[in-house]
C-alpha atoms as a PDB file:
ATOM      1  CA  HIS A   1      96.555  -1.387  -7.012  1.00  0.00           C
ATOM      2  CA  VAL A   2      92.894  -1.966  -7.438  1.00  0.00           C
ATOM      3  CA  ALA A   3      91.934   0.608  -4.643  1.00  0.00           C
ATOM      4  CA  PRO A   4      93.290   3.887  -6.341  1.00  0.00           C
ATOM      5  CA  ALA A   5      90.761   2.483  -9.103  1.00  0.00           C
ATOM      6  CA  LEU A   6      88.203   2.025  -7.223  1.00  0.00           C
ATOM      7  CA  SER A   7      88.450   5.225  -5.589  1.00  0.00           C
ATOM      8  CA  SER A   8      88.245   6.762  -9.182  1.00  0.00           C
ATOM      9  CA  ILE A   9      84.565   7.313 -10.352  1.00  0.00           C
ATOM     10  CA  THR A  10      85.642   7.262 -14.107  1.00  0.00           C
ATOM     11  CA  LEU A  11      87.553   4.098 -13.805  1.00  0.00           C
ATOM     12  CA  THR A  12      84.958   1.932 -11.998  1.00  0.00           C
ATOM     13  CA  HIS A  13      81.431   3.277 -13.064  1.00  0.00           C
ATOM     14  CA  GLY A  14      80.722   1.182 -15.853  1.00  0.00           C
ATOM     15  CA  CYS A  15      81.053  -2.643 -17.130  1.00  0.00           C
ATOM     16  CA  PHE A  16      83.749  -1.682 -19.683  1.00  0.00           C
ATOM     17  CA  SER A  17      86.028   0.361 -17.255  1.00  0.00           C
ATOM     18  CA  ILE A  18      89.640  -1.087 -16.152  1.00  0.00           C
ATOM     19  CA  ALA A  19      88.894  -1.840 -12.123  1.00  0.00           C
ATOM     20  CA  SER A  20      85.374  -3.726 -13.753  1.00  0.00           C
ATOM     21  CA  SER A  21      87.720  -5.928 -16.222  1.00  0.00           C
ATOM     22  CA  LEU A  22      90.096  -7.347 -13.219  1.00  0.00           C
ATOM     23  CA  PHE A  23      86.597  -8.178 -10.911  1.00  0.00           C
ATOM     24  CA  PHE A  24      84.997 -10.171 -14.136  1.00  0.00           C
ATOM     25  CA  ASN A  25      88.778 -11.351 -15.245  1.00  0.00           C
ATOM     26  CA  TYR A  26      90.306 -12.333 -12.167  1.00  0.00           C
ATOM     27  CA  PRO A  27      87.566 -12.819  -9.208  1.00  0.00           C
ATOM     28  CA  TYR A  28      90.042 -15.275  -7.967  1.00  0.00           C
ATOM     29  CA  ILE A  29      92.030 -12.909  -6.436  1.00  0.00           C
ATOM     30  CA  PHE A  30      89.971 -10.494  -4.732  1.00  0.00           C
ATOM     31  CA  THR A  31      88.217 -10.637  -1.318  1.00  0.00           C
ATOM     32  CA  LEU A  32      84.723 -10.806  -0.722  1.00  0.00           C
ATOM     33  CA  SER A  33      84.550  -7.249   1.020  1.00  0.00           C
ATOM     34  CA  ASP A  34      86.421  -5.818  -2.142  1.00  0.00           C
ATOM     35  CA  LYS A  35      83.678  -7.661  -4.868  1.00  0.00           C
ATOM     36  CA  LEU A  36      80.913  -5.914  -2.319  1.00  0.00           C
ATOM     37  CA  LEU A  37      82.772  -2.628  -2.475  1.00  0.00           C
ATOM     38  CA  PHE A  38      83.050  -3.148  -6.152  1.00  0.00           C
ATOM     39  CA  PHE A  39      79.222  -4.250  -6.640  1.00  0.00           C
ATOM     40  CA  ARG A  40      78.226  -1.321  -4.671  1.00  0.00           C
ATOM     41  CA  ILE A  41      80.244   1.222  -6.380  1.00  0.00           C
ATOM     42  CA  ALA A  42      80.023   0.111 -10.004  1.00  0.00           C
ATOM     43  CA  ALA A  43      76.188  -1.553 -10.465  1.00  0.00           C
ATOM     44  CA  THR A  44      74.761   1.255  -8.316  1.00  0.00           C
ATOM     45  CA  ASP A  45      73.304   4.764  -9.708  1.00  0.00           C
ATOM     46  CA  LEU A  46      75.928   7.539 -10.233  1.00  0.00           C
ATOM     47  CA  CYS A  47      74.652   9.500  -6.639  1.00  0.00           C
ATOM     48  CA  SER A  48      74.625   5.994  -4.761  1.00  0.00           C
ATOM     49  CA  SER A  49      78.503   5.595  -5.964  1.00  0.00           C
ATOM     50  CA  VAL A  50      79.866   9.136  -5.115  1.00  0.00           C
ATOM     51  CA  TYR A  51      78.774   8.545  -1.980  1.00  0.00           C
ATOM     52  CA  THR A  52      80.144   4.971  -1.406  1.00  0.00           C
ATOM     53  CA  VAL A  53      83.670   6.013  -2.694  1.00  0.00           C
ATOM     54  CA  PHE A  54      83.269   9.609  -0.332  1.00  0.00           C
ATOM     55  CA  GLN A  55      82.547   7.157   2.597  1.00  0.00           C
ATOM     56  CA  ARG A  56      85.168   4.467   1.457  1.00  0.00           C
ATOM     57  CA  PHE A  57      88.231   6.309   0.867  1.00  0.00           C
ATOM     58  CA  VAL A  58      87.509  10.126   1.753  1.00  0.00           C
ATOM     59  CA  LYS A  59      85.651   9.737   4.887  1.00  0.00           C
ATOM     60  CA  PRO A  60      85.672   6.195   6.478  1.00  0.00           C
ATOM     61  CA  ASP A  61      83.833   7.173   9.761  1.00  0.00           C
ATOM     62  CA  ALA A  62      81.074   9.611   8.076  1.00  0.00           C
ATOM     63  CA  GLY A  63      78.207   6.899   8.579  1.00  0.00           C
ATOM     64  CA  ARG A  64      75.295   7.082   6.505  1.00  0.00           C
ATOM     65  CA  SER A  65      74.450  10.647   5.629  1.00  0.00           C
ATOM     66  CA  PRO A  66      71.702  12.621   7.969  1.00  0.00           C
ATOM     67  CA  ASN A  67      70.448  14.159   4.820  1.00  0.00           C
ATOM     68  CA  GLU A  68      70.194  10.866   3.485  1.00  0.00           C
ATOM     69  CA  MET A  69      66.173  10.424   1.888  1.00  0.00           C
ATOM     70  CA  LYS A  70      64.626   7.740   4.498  1.00  0.00           C
ATOM     71  CA  TYR A  71      60.986   6.393   3.915  1.00  0.00           C
ATOM     72  CA  GLN A  72      59.397   5.217   7.078  1.00  0.00           C
ATOM     73  CA  CYS A  73      57.107   2.547   7.477  1.00  0.00           C
ATOM     74  CA  THR A  74      54.934   0.929   9.901  1.00  0.00           C
ATOM     75  CA  ILE A  75      53.857  -2.502  10.028  1.00  0.00           C
ATOM     76  CA  LEU A  76      51.877  -5.247  11.581  1.00  0.00           C
ATOM     77  CA  LYS A  77      54.748  -8.187  12.267  1.00  0.00           C
ATOM     78  CA  SER A  78      51.383 -10.847  11.607  1.00  0.00           C
ATOM     79  CA  GLU A  79      51.154  -9.500   8.220  1.00  0.00           C
ATOM     80  CA  LEU A  80      54.934  -8.916   7.269  1.00  0.00           C
ATOM     81  CA  TYR A  81      55.454 -10.412   3.961  1.00  0.00           C
ATOM     82  CA  GLU A  82      51.927  -8.877   2.139  1.00  0.00           C
ATOM     83  CA  GLU A  83      52.792  -5.234   3.799  1.00  0.00           C
ATOM     84  CA  GLY A  84      56.709  -5.674   2.971  1.00  0.00           C
ATOM     85  CA  LYS A  85      55.613  -6.681  -0.013  1.00  0.00           C
ATOM     86  CA  SER A  86      53.592  -3.684  -0.611  1.00  0.00           C
ATOM     87  CA  ILE A  87      56.273  -1.324   0.425  1.00  0.00           C
ATOM     88  CA  LEU A  88      58.524  -2.581  -1.322  1.00  0.00           C
ATOM     89  CA  SER A  89      56.317  -1.880  -4.508  1.00  0.00           C
ATOM     90  CA  ALA A  90      55.610   1.732  -3.615  1.00  0.00           C
ATOM     91  CA  PHE A  91      59.603   2.557  -2.127  1.00  0.00           C
ATOM     92  CA  GLY A  92      61.680  -0.027  -3.396  1.00  0.00           C
ATOM     93  CA  PRO A  93      62.838   0.666  -6.579  1.00  0.00           C
ATOM     94  CA  SER A  94      63.729   4.502  -5.145  1.00  0.00           C
ATOM     95  CA  LEU A  95      66.909   5.531  -4.277  1.00  0.00           C
ATOM     96  CA  GLY A  96      65.787   6.436  -0.707  1.00  0.00           C
ATOM     97  CA  MET A  97      66.842   4.176   2.468  1.00  0.00           C
ATOM     98  CA  LEU A  98      63.634   1.833   4.060  1.00  0.00           C
ATOM     99  CA  GLU A  99      63.704   2.465   7.824  1.00  0.00           C
ATOM    100  CA  VAL A 100      60.933   0.185   9.107  1.00  0.00           C
ATOM    101  CA  SER A 101      59.333  -0.154  12.404  1.00  0.00           C
ATOM    102  CA  TYR A 102      56.648  -2.183  13.751  1.00  0.00           C
ATOM    103  CA  GLU A 103      52.985  -1.424  15.084  1.00  0.00           C
ATOM    104  CA  GLY A 104      53.012  -1.570  18.566  1.00  0.00           C
ATOM    105  CA  GLU A 105      56.623  -1.479  19.830  1.00  0.00           C
ATOM    106  CA  THR A 106      58.698   1.125  20.030  1.00  0.00           C
ATOM    107  CA  GLY A 107      62.043   0.400  18.492  1.00  0.00           C
ATOM    108  CA  ILE A 108      62.736   2.755  15.379  1.00  0.00           C
ATOM    109  CA  GLY A 109      66.136   2.788  13.227  1.00  0.00           C
ATOM    110  CA  SER A 110      68.420   0.264  12.007  1.00  0.00           C
ATOM    111  CA  GLY A 111      67.541  -3.008  14.631  1.00  0.00           C
ATOM    112  CA  PRO A 112      64.127  -3.352  13.353  1.00  0.00           C
ATOM    113  CA  THR A 113      65.041  -2.830   9.745  1.00  0.00           C
ATOM    114  CA  GLN A 114      67.492  -5.417   9.773  1.00  0.00           C
ATOM    115  CA  GLU A 115      65.215  -7.600  11.326  1.00  0.00           C
ATOM    116  CA  PHE A 116      62.625  -6.676   8.561  1.00  0.00           C
ATOM    117  CA  PHE A 117      65.171  -7.640   6.351  1.00  0.00           C
ATOM    118  CA  THR A 118      65.590 -10.962   7.639  1.00  0.00           C
ATOM    119  CA  GLU A 119      62.160 -11.998   8.562  1.00  0.00           C
ATOM    120  CA  PHE A 120      61.009 -11.216   5.316  1.00  0.00           C
ATOM    121  CA  SER A 121      63.241 -13.273   4.098  1.00  0.00           C
ATOM    122  CA  HIS A 122      62.407 -16.376   5.845  1.00  0.00           C
ATOM    123  CA  GLU A 123      58.719 -15.270   4.927  1.00  0.00           C
ATOM    124  CA  ALA A 124      59.611 -15.620   1.602  1.00  0.00           C
ATOM    125  CA  CYS A 125      61.427 -19.139   2.035  1.00  0.00           C
ATOM    126  CA  LYS A 126      58.315 -20.661   3.239  1.00  0.00           C
ATOM    127  CA  THR A 127      57.517 -23.662   1.462  1.00  0.00           C
ATOM    128  CA  THR A 128      53.828 -22.726   1.359  1.00  0.00           C
ATOM    129  CA  ARG A 129      54.076 -19.864  -0.633  1.00  0.00           C
ATOM    130  CA  ASN A 130      55.483 -22.103  -3.758  1.00  0.00           C
ATOM    131  CA  ILE A 131      57.601 -19.594  -4.927  1.00  0.00           C
ATOM    132  CA  TRP A 132      60.788 -22.439  -4.620  1.00  0.00           C
ATOM    133  CA  LYS A 133      61.849 -25.440  -5.744  1.00  0.00           C
ATOM    134  CA  THR A 134      64.232 -26.765  -2.748  1.00  0.00           C
ATOM    135  CA  SER A 135      67.412 -29.208  -3.490  1.00  0.00           C
ATOM    136  CA  GLU A 136      70.316 -29.835  -1.042  1.00  0.00           C
ATOM    137  CA  ASN A 137      71.906 -27.090  -2.861  1.00  0.00           C
ATOM    138  CA  GLY A 138      69.247 -24.543  -1.867  1.00  0.00           C
ATOM    139  CA  LEU A 139      66.508 -23.191  -3.554  1.00  0.00           C
ATOM    140  CA  TYR A 140      65.480 -22.516  -7.092  1.00  0.00           C
ATOM    141  CA  PRO A 141      62.357 -20.695  -8.370  1.00  0.00           C
ATOM    142  CA  ALA A 142      59.259 -22.810  -8.922  1.00  0.00           C
ATOM    143  CA  PRO A 143      58.018 -22.807 -12.776  1.00  0.00           C
ATOM    144  CA  THR A 144      54.591 -21.927 -10.930  1.00  0.00           C
ATOM    145  CA  ALA A 145      55.787 -18.897  -8.964  1.00  0.00           C
ATOM    146  CA  ASN A 146      53.672 -16.033  -8.977  1.00  0.00           C
ATOM    147  CA  GLY A 147      55.400 -13.376 -11.139  1.00  0.00           C
ATOM    148  CA  SER A 148      54.782 -10.743  -8.488  1.00  0.00           C
ATOM    149  CA  ASP A 149      56.267 -12.730  -5.593  1.00  0.00           C
ATOM    150  CA  LEU A 150      59.293 -12.640  -8.236  1.00  0.00           C
ATOM    151  CA  TYR A 151      59.040  -9.252  -8.931  1.00  0.00           C
ATOM    152  CA  SER A 152      59.218  -8.076  -5.071  1.00  0.00           C
ATOM    153  CA  LEU A 153      61.932 -10.828  -4.449  1.00  0.00           C
ATOM    154  CA  GLY A 154      64.214  -8.885  -6.696  1.00  0.00           C
ATOM    155  CA  ILE A 155      63.223  -5.754  -5.438  1.00  0.00           C
ATOM    156  CA  PHE A 156      64.170  -6.592  -2.110  1.00  0.00           C
ATOM    157  CA  CYS A 157      67.176  -8.359  -3.112  1.00  0.00           C
ATOM    158  CA  ALA A 158      68.081  -5.308  -4.609  1.00  0.00           C
ATOM    159  CA  LYS A 159      67.291  -2.913  -1.859  1.00  0.00           C
ATOM    160  CA  ALA A 160      69.387  -5.205   0.621  1.00  0.00           C
ATOM    161  CA  LEU A 161      72.404  -4.883  -1.507  1.00  0.00           C
ATOM    162  CA  ALA A 162      71.803  -0.963  -2.211  1.00  0.00           C
ATOM    163  CA  THR A 163      71.492  -0.123   1.849  1.00  0.00           C
ATOM    164  CA  GLN A 164      73.803  -2.861   3.059  1.00  0.00           C
ATOM    165  CA  PHE A 165      71.262  -4.746   5.219  1.00  0.00           C
ATOM    166  CA  LEU A 166      72.013  -8.856   5.416  1.00  0.00           C
ATOM    167  CA  ILE A 167      69.001 -11.402   4.512  1.00  0.00           C
ATOM    168  CA  ASP A 168      68.844 -14.998   4.816  1.00  0.00           C
ATOM    169  CA  ILE A 169      67.733 -17.124   1.225  1.00  0.00           C
ATOM    170  CA  PRO A 170      69.760 -19.751   0.784  1.00  0.00           C
ATOM    171  CA  LEU A 171      69.794 -19.282  -3.193  1.00  0.00           C
ATOM    172  CA  SER A 172      71.468 -22.131  -5.017  1.00  0.00           C
ATOM    173  CA  PRO A 173      74.462 -21.901  -7.210  1.00  0.00           C
ATOM    174  CA  GLU A 174      72.266 -23.224 -10.180  1.00  0.00           C
ATOM    175  CA  PHE A 175      70.083 -20.210  -9.849  1.00  0.00           C
ATOM    176  CA  ILE A 176      72.508 -18.007  -9.382  1.00  0.00           C
ATOM    177  CA  ARG A 177      74.698 -19.606 -12.957  1.00  0.00           C
ATOM    178  CA  THR A 178      70.854 -19.169 -14.278  1.00  0.00           C
ATOM    179  CA  CYS A 179      71.161 -15.433 -13.360  1.00  0.00           C
ATOM    180  CA  ARG A 180      74.387 -14.854 -15.055  1.00  0.00           C
ATOM    181  CA  GLY A 181      73.163 -15.934 -18.278  1.00  0.00           C
ATOM    182  CA  GLU A 182      74.730 -19.900 -17.759  1.00  0.00           C
ATOM    183  CA  ASN A 183      72.903 -23.037 -19.474  1.00  0.00           C
ATOM    184  CA  VAL A 184      71.705 -25.037 -16.261  1.00  0.00           C
ATOM    185  CA  PRO A 185      71.329 -28.589 -17.459  1.00  0.00           C
ATOM    186  CA  ILE A 186      67.716 -30.248 -16.114  1.00  0.00           C
ATOM    187  CA  LYS A 187      69.868 -32.508 -14.277  1.00  0.00           C
ATOM    188  CA  ASP A 188      71.159 -29.881 -12.082  1.00  0.00           C
ATOM    189  CA  ILE A 189      68.047 -28.464 -10.754  1.00  0.00           C
ATOM    190  CA  ASP A 190      65.553 -31.130 -11.421  1.00  0.00           C
ATOM    191  CA  ARG A 191      67.138 -34.761 -11.240  1.00  0.00           C
ATOM    192  CA  THR A 192      63.726 -36.906 -10.737  1.00  0.00           C
ATOM    193  CA  LEU A 193      62.330 -35.135 -13.898  1.00  0.00           C
ATOM    194  CA  ALA A 194      65.816 -35.344 -15.858  1.00  0.00           C
ATOM    195  CA  ASN A 195      65.534 -39.191 -15.198  1.00  0.00           C
ATOM    196  CA  SER A 196      61.880 -39.011 -16.433  1.00  0.00           C
ATOM    197  CA  ILE A 197      62.632 -37.929 -19.406  1.00  0.00           C
ATOM    198  CA  LYS A 198      65.914 -39.570 -20.436  1.00  0.00           C
ATOM    199  CA  ASP A 199      64.393 -41.997 -22.096  1.00  0.00           C
ATOM    200  CA  PRO A 200      61.723 -41.073 -24.814  1.00  0.00           C
ATOM    201  CA  SER A 201      60.004 -44.309 -25.575  1.00  0.00           C
ATOM    202  CA  GLY A 202      58.757 -42.999 -21.527  1.00  0.00           C
ATOM    203  CA  LEU A 203      56.725 -40.384 -22.906  1.00  0.00           C
ATOM    204  CA  VAL A 204      54.620 -41.488 -25.034  1.00  0.00           C
ATOM    205  CA  GLY A 205      50.753 -40.615 -24.386  1.00  0.00           C
ATOM    206  CA  LEU A 206      52.034 -38.273 -21.558  1.00  0.00           C
ATOM    207  CA  ASP A 207      51.127 -34.518 -21.520  1.00  0.00           C
ATOM    208  CA  PHE A 208      54.143 -31.830 -21.472  1.00  0.00           C
ATOM    209  CA  THR A 209      52.989 -30.642 -17.851  1.00  0.00           C
ATOM    210  CA  TYR A 210      55.464 -30.250 -15.541  1.00  0.00           C
ATOM    211  CA  PRO A 211      54.794 -33.115 -12.742  1.00  0.00           C
ATOM    212  CA  GLY A 212      52.688 -32.355  -9.829  1.00  0.00           C
ATOM    213  CA  THR A 213      51.391 -29.310 -11.836  1.00  0.00           C
ATOM    214  CA  ASN A 214      49.277 -27.391 -14.701  1.00  0.00           C
ATOM    215  CA  PHE A 215      52.213 -25.473 -16.081  1.00  0.00           C
ATOM    216  CA  GLU A 216      52.879 -26.553 -19.642  1.00  0.00           C
ATOM    217  CA  LEU A 217      56.631 -27.301 -20.407  1.00  0.00           C
ATOM    218  CA  LYS A 218      55.461 -27.349 -24.269  1.00  0.00           C
ATOM    219  CA  LYS A 219      52.633 -25.247 -25.341  1.00  0.00           C
ATOM    220  CA  GLY A 220      49.561 -27.395 -27.341  1.00  0.00           C
END
């Protein structure tokens, strides 16, 4: 059984552990909750892994530790995205938990914090921010996306996973495949661009920039 292996730090912490090999080689036999549990144990720091094991296998009704480090932040709803980026840059890489409240509102705790994670993800998905290339399959980072936006999004997603808050960003399967190191054909990301470069004769006299932008596909 997998559960006994997951309850042992020595058998789960590391990509070459017994439990890791099962999840990597036979992902189809596990439920989503199993995969999330494995992620929280194997992909986080040792202290977080130990706490997850304790919470799941030793004392399931423990809840969050009262001594858990928290960063209490107050933000303006009208400036949620920019202030959120500043908070993520300052406190995101740490092991502590973010606890967000809104200026002028009395609510504190997990409710307003979950609202922050939801609203920040919606703000990040807006087309006016030029972060994503949209398709019927979901979102894929645009070649012209601002590096600071992508950095903040990386911290944001990692913090949401580590602290078990939900986010709402419809990432495309092609982006997930890219993150996994797979070679993704251009046609799967941008069919229009793929069709335009299919015929080499049609490229004569054209500059190598991404259509509609000044982003160079090939330097020089």
